PDB file of all heavy atoms in Angstrom:
ATOM      1  N   ASN A   1       0.834  -1.194   0.002  1.00  0.00           N
ATOM      2  CA  ASN A   1       0.005   0.004   0.000  1.00  0.00           C
ATOM      3  C   ASN A   1       0.876   1.246   0.001  1.00  0.00           C
ATOM      4  O   ASN A   1       1.900   1.306   0.675  1.00  0.00           O
ATOM      5  CB  ASN A   1      -0.939   0.000   1.216  1.00  0.00           C
ATOM      6  CG  ASN A   1      -2.000   1.059   1.084  1.00  0.00           C
ATOM      7  OD1 ASN A   1      -1.745   2.248   1.265  1.00  0.00           O
ATOM      8  ND2 ASN A   1      -3.193   0.630   0.736  1.00  0.00           N
ATOM      9  N   HIS A   2       0.439   2.229  -0.763  1.00  0.00           N
ATOM     10  CA  HIS A   2       1.220   3.453  -0.880  1.00  0.00           C
ATOM     11  C   HIS A   2       1.359   4.168   0.457  1.00  0.00           C
ATOM     12  O   HIS A   2       2.333   4.892   0.685  1.00  0.00           O
ATOM     13  CB  HIS A   2       0.603   4.398  -1.922  1.00  0.00           C
ATOM     14  CG  HIS A   2       1.501   5.545  -2.253  1.00  0.00           C
ATOM     15  ND1 HIS A   2       1.439   6.748  -1.590  1.00  0.00           N
ATOM     16  CD2 HIS A   2       2.492   5.656  -3.152  1.00  0.00           C
ATOM     17  CE1 HIS A   2       2.356   7.560  -2.077  1.00  0.00           C
ATOM     18  NE2 HIS A   2       3.025   6.921  -3.031  1.00  0.00           N
ATOM     19  N   GLU A   3       0.407   3.985   1.351  1.00  0.00           N
ATOM     20  CA  GLU A   3       0.457   4.651   2.660  1.00  0.00           C
ATOM     21  C   GLU A   3       1.369   3.935   3.648  1.00  0.00           C
ATOM     22  O   GLU A   3       1.559   4.389   4.774  1.00  0.00           O
ATOM     23  CB  GLU A   3      -0.957   4.749   3.246  1.00  0.00           C
ATOM     24  CG  GLU A   3      -1.930   5.550   2.386  1.00  0.00           C
ATOM     25  CD  GLU A   3      -1.418   6.946   2.060  1.00  0.00           C
ATOM     26  OE1 GLU A   3      -0.954   7.656   2.973  1.00  0.00           O
ATOM     27  OE2 GLU A   3      -1.465   7.315   0.861  1.00  0.00           O
ATOM     28  N   SER A   4       1.947   2.809   3.266  1.00  0.00           N
ATOM     29  CA  SER A   4       2.829   2.054   4.179  1.00  0.00           C
ATOM     30  C   SER A   4       4.117   2.839   4.425  1.00  0.00           C
ATOM     31  O   SER A   4       4.477   3.728   3.663  1.00  0.00           O
ATOM     32  CB  SER A   4       3.139   0.686   3.599  1.00  0.00           C
ATOM     33  OG  SER A   4       3.941   0.830   2.445  1.00  0.00           O
ATOM     34  N   ASN A   5       4.780   2.462   5.481  1.00  0.00           N
ATOM     35  CA  ASN A   5       5.986   3.189   5.899  1.00  0.00           C
ATOM     36  C   ASN A   5       7.214   2.602   5.183  1.00  0.00           C
ATOM     37  O   ASN A   5       8.086   2.010   5.794  1.00  0.00           O
ATOM     38  CB  ASN A   5       6.142   3.075   7.420  1.00  0.00           C
ATOM     39  CG  ASN A   5       7.199   4.001   7.944  1.00  0.00           C
ATOM     40  OD1 ASN A   5       7.582   4.963   7.290  1.00  0.00           O
ATOM     41  ND2 ASN A   5       7.709   3.715   9.121  1.00  0.00           N
ATOM     42  N   HIS A   6       7.252   2.743   3.871  1.00  0.00           N
ATOM     43  CA  HIS A   6       8.382   2.307   3.067  1.00  0.00           C
ATOM     44  C   HIS A   6       8.902   3.501   2.269  1.00  0.00           C
ATOM     45  O   HIS A   6       8.159   4.440   2.002  1.00  0.00           O
ATOM     46  CB  HIS A   6       7.980   1.188   2.094  1.00  0.00           C
ATOM     47  CG  HIS A   6       7.742  -0.114   2.775  1.00  0.00           C
ATOM     48  ND1 HIS A   6       6.595  -0.403   3.474  1.00  0.00           N
ATOM     49  CD2 HIS A   6       8.526  -1.217   2.854  1.00  0.00           C
ATOM     50  CE1 HIS A   6       6.673  -1.611   3.962  1.00  0.00           C
ATOM     51  NE2 HIS A   6       7.833  -2.140   3.600  1.00  0.00           N
ATOM     52  N   HIS A   7      10.152   3.416   1.886  1.00  0.00           N
ATOM     53  CA  HIS A   7      10.763   4.494   1.126  1.00  0.00           C
ATOM     54  C   HIS A   7      10.088   4.616  -0.246  1.00  0.00           C
ATOM     55  O   HIS A   7       9.636   3.619  -0.818  1.00  0.00           O
ATOM     56  CB  HIS A   7      12.262   4.218   0.951  1.00  0.00           C
ATOM     57  CG  HIS A   7      13.023   5.426   0.490  1.00  0.00           C
ATOM     58  ND1 HIS A   7      13.172   5.719  -0.850  1.00  0.00           N
ATOM     59  CD2 HIS A   7      13.648   6.395   1.188  1.00  0.00           C
ATOM     60  CE1 HIS A   7      13.877   6.838  -0.964  1.00  0.00           C
ATOM     61  NE2 HIS A   7      14.186   7.265   0.252  1.00  0.00           N
ATOM     62  N   GLN A   8      10.035   5.823  -0.766  1.00  0.00           N
ATOM     63  CA  GLN A   8       9.405   6.075  -2.071  1.00  0.00           C
ATOM     64  C   GLN A   8      10.036   5.242  -3.188  1.00  0.00           C
ATOM     65  O   GLN A   8       9.366   4.832  -4.122  1.00  0.00           O
ATOM     66  CB  GLN A   8       9.496   7.560  -2.435  1.00  0.00           C
ATOM     67  CG  GLN A   8       8.433   8.434  -1.750  1.00  0.00           C
ATOM     68  CD  GLN A   8       7.033   8.039  -2.163  1.00  0.00           C
ATOM     69  OE1 GLN A   8       6.271   7.483  -1.376  1.00  0.00           O
ATOM     70  NE2 GLN A   8       6.659   8.322  -3.397  1.00  0.00           N
ATOM     71  N   SER A   9      11.345   4.988  -3.078  1.00  0.00           N
ATOM     72  CA  SER A   9      12.013   4.212  -4.125  1.00  0.00           C
ATOM     73  C   SER A   9      11.465   2.778  -4.174  1.00  0.00           C
ATOM     74  O   SER A   9      11.387   2.185  -5.259  1.00  0.00           O
ATOM     75  CB  SER A   9      13.530   4.192  -3.908  1.00  0.00           C
ATOM     76  OG  SER A   9      13.839   3.538  -2.691  1.00  0.00           O
ATOM     77  N   THR A  10      11.075   2.243  -3.027  1.00  0.00           N
ATOM     78  CA  THR A  10      10.479   0.910  -2.992  1.00  0.00           C
ATOM     79  C   THR A  10       9.130   0.921  -3.699  1.00  0.00           C
ATOM     80  O   THR A  10       8.812   0.025  -4.480  1.00  0.00           O
ATOM     81  CB  THR A  10      10.303   0.430  -1.536  1.00  0.00           C
ATOM     82  OG1 THR A  10      11.590   0.429  -0.895  1.00  0.00           O
ATOM     83  CG2 THR A  10       9.694  -0.952  -1.465  1.00  0.00           C
ATOM     84  N   LYS A  11       8.361   1.953  -3.464  1.00  0.00           N
ATOM     85  CA  LYS A  11       7.029   2.060  -4.086  1.00  0.00           C
ATOM     86  C   LYS A  11       7.152   2.264  -5.590  1.00  0.00           C
ATOM     87  O   LYS A  11       6.411   1.653  -6.361  1.00  0.00           O
ATOM     88  CB  LYS A  11       6.246   3.211  -3.417  1.00  0.00           C
ATOM     89  CG  LYS A  11       5.985   2.936  -1.937  1.00  0.00           C
ATOM     90  CD  LYS A  11       5.433   4.139  -1.235  1.00  0.00           C
ATOM     91  CE  LYS A  11       5.384   3.879   0.265  1.00  0.00           C
ATOM     92  NZ  LYS A  11       4.968   5.053   1.003  1.00  0.00           N
ATOM     93  N   ARG A  12       8.112   3.096  -6.011  1.00  0.00           N
ATOM     94  CA  ARG A  12       8.346   3.260  -7.459  1.00  0.00           C
ATOM     95  C   ARG A  12       8.845   1.962  -8.065  1.00  0.00           C
ATOM     96  O   ARG A  12       8.520   1.620  -9.205  1.00  0.00           O
ATOM     97  CB  ARG A  12       9.345   4.396  -7.705  1.00  0.00           C
ATOM     98  CG  ARG A  12       8.737   5.789  -7.643  1.00  0.00           C
ATOM     99  CD  ARG A  12       9.708   6.851  -8.168  1.00  0.00           C
ATOM    100  NE  ARG A  12      10.986   6.857  -7.493  1.00  0.00           N
ATOM    101  CZ  ARG A  12      11.267   7.507  -6.353  1.00  0.00           C
ATOM    102  NH1 ARG A  12      10.335   8.230  -5.764  1.00  0.00           N
ATOM    103  NH2 ARG A  12      12.463   7.446  -5.825  1.00  0.00           N
ATOM    104  N   GLY A  13       9.636   1.220  -7.294  1.00  0.00           N
ATOM    105  CA  GLY A  13      10.162  -0.070  -7.770  1.00  0.00           C
ATOM    106  C   GLY A  13       9.043  -1.066  -8.054  1.00  0.00           C
ATOM    107  O   GLY A  13       9.131  -1.854  -9.011  1.00  0.00           O
ATOM    108  N   ILE A  14       7.986  -1.033  -7.260  1.00  0.00           N
ATOM    109  CA  ILE A  14       6.839  -1.912  -7.494  1.00  0.00           C
ATOM    110  C   ILE A  14       6.183  -1.558  -8.832  1.00  0.00           C
ATOM    111  O   ILE A  14       5.888  -2.443  -9.643  1.00  0.00           O
ATOM    112  CB  ILE A  14       5.835  -1.820  -6.333  1.00  0.00           C
ATOM    113  CG1 ILE A  14       6.439  -2.477  -5.090  1.00  0.00           C
ATOM    114  CG2 ILE A  14       4.487  -2.438  -6.702  1.00  0.00           C
ATOM    115  CD1 ILE A  14       5.674  -2.250  -3.822  1.00  0.00           C
ATOM    116  N   ILE A  15       6.005  -0.276  -9.053  1.00  0.00           N
ATOM    117  CA  ILE A  15       5.406   0.161 -10.319  1.00  0.00           C
ATOM    118  C   ILE A  15       6.301  -0.255 -11.489  1.00  0.00           C
ATOM    119  O   ILE A  15       5.822  -0.829 -12.484  1.00  0.00           O
ATOM    120  CB  ILE A  15       5.189   1.692 -10.332  1.00  0.00           C
ATOM    121  CG1 ILE A  15       4.261   2.114  -9.196  1.00  0.00           C
ATOM    122  CG2 ILE A  15       4.626   2.143 -11.681  1.00  0.00           C
ATOM    123  CD1 ILE A  15       4.185   3.618  -8.982  1.00  0.00           C
ATOM    124  N   LYS A  16       7.595  -0.002 -11.398  1.00  0.00           N
ATOM    125  CA  LYS A  16       8.520  -0.343 -12.478  1.00  0.00           C
ATOM    126  C   LYS A  16       8.529  -1.841 -12.757  1.00  0.00           C
ATOM    127  O   LYS A  16       8.555  -2.257 -13.917  1.00  0.00           O
ATOM    128  CB  LYS A  16       9.942   0.123 -12.114  1.00  0.00           C
ATOM    129  CG  LYS A  16      10.122   1.617 -12.129  1.00  0.00           C
ATOM    130  CD  LYS A  16      11.529   1.976 -11.659  1.00  0.00           C
ATOM    131  CE  LYS A  16      11.716   3.471 -11.536  1.00  0.00           C
ATOM    132  NZ  LYS A  16      13.045   3.820 -11.020  1.00  0.00           N
ATOM    133  N   THR A  17       8.520  -2.634 -11.698  1.00  0.00           N
ATOM    134  CA  THR A  17       8.537  -4.095 -11.872  1.00  0.00           C
ATOM    135  C   THR A  17       7.297  -4.576 -12.611  1.00  0.00           C
ATOM    136  O   THR A  17       7.385  -5.401 -13.533  1.00  0.00           O
ATOM    137  CB  THR A  17       8.635  -4.783 -10.490  1.00  0.00           C
ATOM    138  OG1 THR A  17       9.864  -4.382  -9.878  1.00  0.00           O
ATOM    139  CG2 THR A  17       8.602  -6.283 -10.620  1.00  0.00           C
ATOM    140  N   LEU A  18       6.125  -4.070 -12.229  1.00  0.00           N
ATOM    141  CA  LEU A  18       4.887  -4.467 -12.899  1.00  0.00           C
ATOM    142  C   LEU A  18       4.894  -4.020 -14.364  1.00  0.00           C
ATOM    143  O   LEU A  18       4.458  -4.757 -15.254  1.00  0.00           O
ATOM    144  CB  LEU A  18       3.678  -3.891 -12.165  1.00  0.00           C
ATOM    145  CG  LEU A  18       3.413  -4.460 -10.761  1.00  0.00           C
ATOM    146  CD1 LEU A  18       2.325  -3.680 -10.054  1.00  0.00           C
ATOM    147  CD2 LEU A  18       3.073  -5.932 -10.838  1.00  0.00           C
ATOM    148  N   LEU A  19       5.400  -2.802 -14.609  1.00  0.00           N
ATOM    149  CA  LEU A  19       5.466  -2.310 -15.984  1.00  0.00           C
ATOM    150  C   LEU A  19       6.462  -3.105 -16.819  1.00  0.00           C
ATOM    151  O   LEU A  19       6.167  -3.473 -17.963  1.00  0.00           O
ATOM    152  CB  LEU A  19       5.833  -0.827 -15.996  1.00  0.00           C
ATOM    153  CG  LEU A  19       4.796   0.137 -15.395  1.00  0.00           C
ATOM    154  CD1 LEU A  19       5.365   1.560 -15.328  1.00  0.00           C
ATOM    155  CD2 LEU A  19       3.502   0.102 -16.182  1.00  0.00           C
ATOM    156  N   ASP A  20       7.628  -3.402 -16.249  1.00  0.00           N
ATOM    157  CA  ASP A  20       8.635  -4.178 -16.981  1.00  0.00           C
ATOM    158  C   ASP A  20       8.113  -5.560 -17.324  1.00  0.00           C
ATOM    159  O   ASP A  20       8.365  -6.082 -18.411  1.00  0.00           O
ATOM    160  CB  ASP A  20       9.926  -4.285 -16.162  1.00  0.00           C
ATOM    161  CG  ASP A  20      10.692  -2.974 -16.110  1.00  0.00           C
ATOM    162  OD1 ASP A  20      10.359  -2.043 -16.869  1.00  0.00           O
ATOM    163  OD2 ASP A  20      11.636  -2.881 -15.286  1.00  0.00           O
ATOM    164  N   ARG A  21       7.381  -6.167 -16.401  1.00  0.00           N
ATOM    165  CA  ARG A  21       6.804  -7.489 -16.670  1.00  0.00           C
ATOM    166  C   ARG A  21       5.803  -7.383 -17.821  1.00  0.00           C
ATOM    167  O   ARG A  21       5.791  -8.226 -18.719  1.00  0.00           O
ATOM    168  CB  ARG A  21       6.124  -8.046 -15.421  1.00  0.00           C
ATOM    169  CG  ARG A  21       5.527  -9.422 -15.643  1.00  0.00           C
ATOM    170  CD  ARG A  21       5.016 -10.024 -14.373  1.00  0.00           C
ATOM    171  NE  ARG A  21       3.816  -9.343 -13.920  1.00  0.00           N
ATOM    172  CZ  ARG A  21       2.954  -9.857 -13.057  1.00  0.00           C
ATOM    173  NH1 ARG A  21       3.160 -11.038 -12.523  1.00  0.00           N
ATOM    174  NH2 ARG A  21       1.898  -9.174 -12.691  1.00  0.00           N
ATOM    175  N   ALA A  22       4.985  -6.337 -17.813  1.00  0.00           N
ATOM    176  CA  ALA A  22       4.005  -6.150 -18.895  1.00  0.00           C
ATOM    177  C   ALA A  22       4.701  -5.964 -20.240  1.00  0.00           C
ATOM    178  O   ALA A  22       4.346  -6.621 -21.224  1.00  0.00           O
ATOM    179  CB  ALA A  22       3.118  -4.937 -18.589  1.00  0.00           C
ATOM    180  N   PHE A  23       5.711  -5.096 -20.285  1.00  0.00           N
ATOM    181  CA  PHE A  23       6.423  -4.856 -21.536  1.00  0.00           C
ATOM    182  C   PHE A  23       7.173  -6.101 -22.002  1.00  0.00           C
ATOM    183  O   PHE A  23       7.298  -6.354 -23.191  1.00  0.00           O
ATOM    184  CB  PHE A  23       7.411  -3.676 -21.393  1.00  0.00           C
ATOM    185  CG  PHE A  23       6.730  -2.344 -21.300  1.00  0.00           C
ATOM    186  CD1 PHE A  23       6.948  -1.516 -20.208  1.00  0.00           C
ATOM    187  CD2 PHE A  23       5.871  -1.904 -22.293  1.00  0.00           C
ATOM    188  CE1 PHE A  23       6.331  -0.274 -20.109  1.00  0.00           C
ATOM    189  CE2 PHE A  23       5.254  -0.655 -22.217  1.00  0.00           C
ATOM    190  CZ  PHE A  23       5.481   0.150 -21.115  1.00  0.00           C
ATOM    191  N   GLY A  24       7.672  -6.875 -21.058  1.00  0.00           N
ATOM    192  CA  GLY A  24       8.445  -8.071 -21.410  1.00  0.00           C
ATOM    193  C   GLY A  24       7.603  -9.248 -21.843  1.00  0.00           C
ATOM    194  O   GLY A  24       8.037 -10.055 -22.663  1.00  0.00           O
ATOM    195  N   LEU A  25       6.372  -9.368 -21.319  1.00  0.00           N
ATOM    196  CA  LEU A  25       5.571 -10.564 -21.583  1.00  0.00           C
ATOM    197  C   LEU A  25       4.472 -10.369 -22.629  1.00  0.00           C
ATOM    198  O   LEU A  25       4.088 -11.331 -23.278  1.00  0.00           O
ATOM    199  CB  LEU A  25       4.940 -11.072 -20.294  1.00  0.00           C
ATOM    200  CG  LEU A  25       5.900 -11.525 -19.201  1.00  0.00           C
ATOM    201  CD1 LEU A  25       5.129 -12.075 -18.006  1.00  0.00           C
ATOM    202  CD2 LEU A  25       6.896 -12.543 -19.716  1.00  0.00           C
ATOM    203  N   CYS A  26       3.963  -9.169 -22.760  1.00  0.00           N
ATOM    204  CA  CYS A  26       2.842  -8.940 -23.699  1.00  0.00           C
ATOM    205  C   CYS A  26       3.403  -8.684 -25.098  1.00  0.00           C
ATOM    206  O   CYS A  26       4.085  -7.696 -25.313  1.00  0.00           O
ATOM    207  CB  CYS A  26       1.998  -7.751 -23.246  1.00  0.00           C
ATOM    208  SG  CYS A  26       1.265  -7.995 -21.622  1.00  0.00           S
TER     209      CYS A  26
END
């Protein structure tokens, strides 16, 4: 969850990972 107490880079990393998987598999 974006409201969790994690660094912003971790949250951006989740977005990047999901996007990279989409670009790589579709």
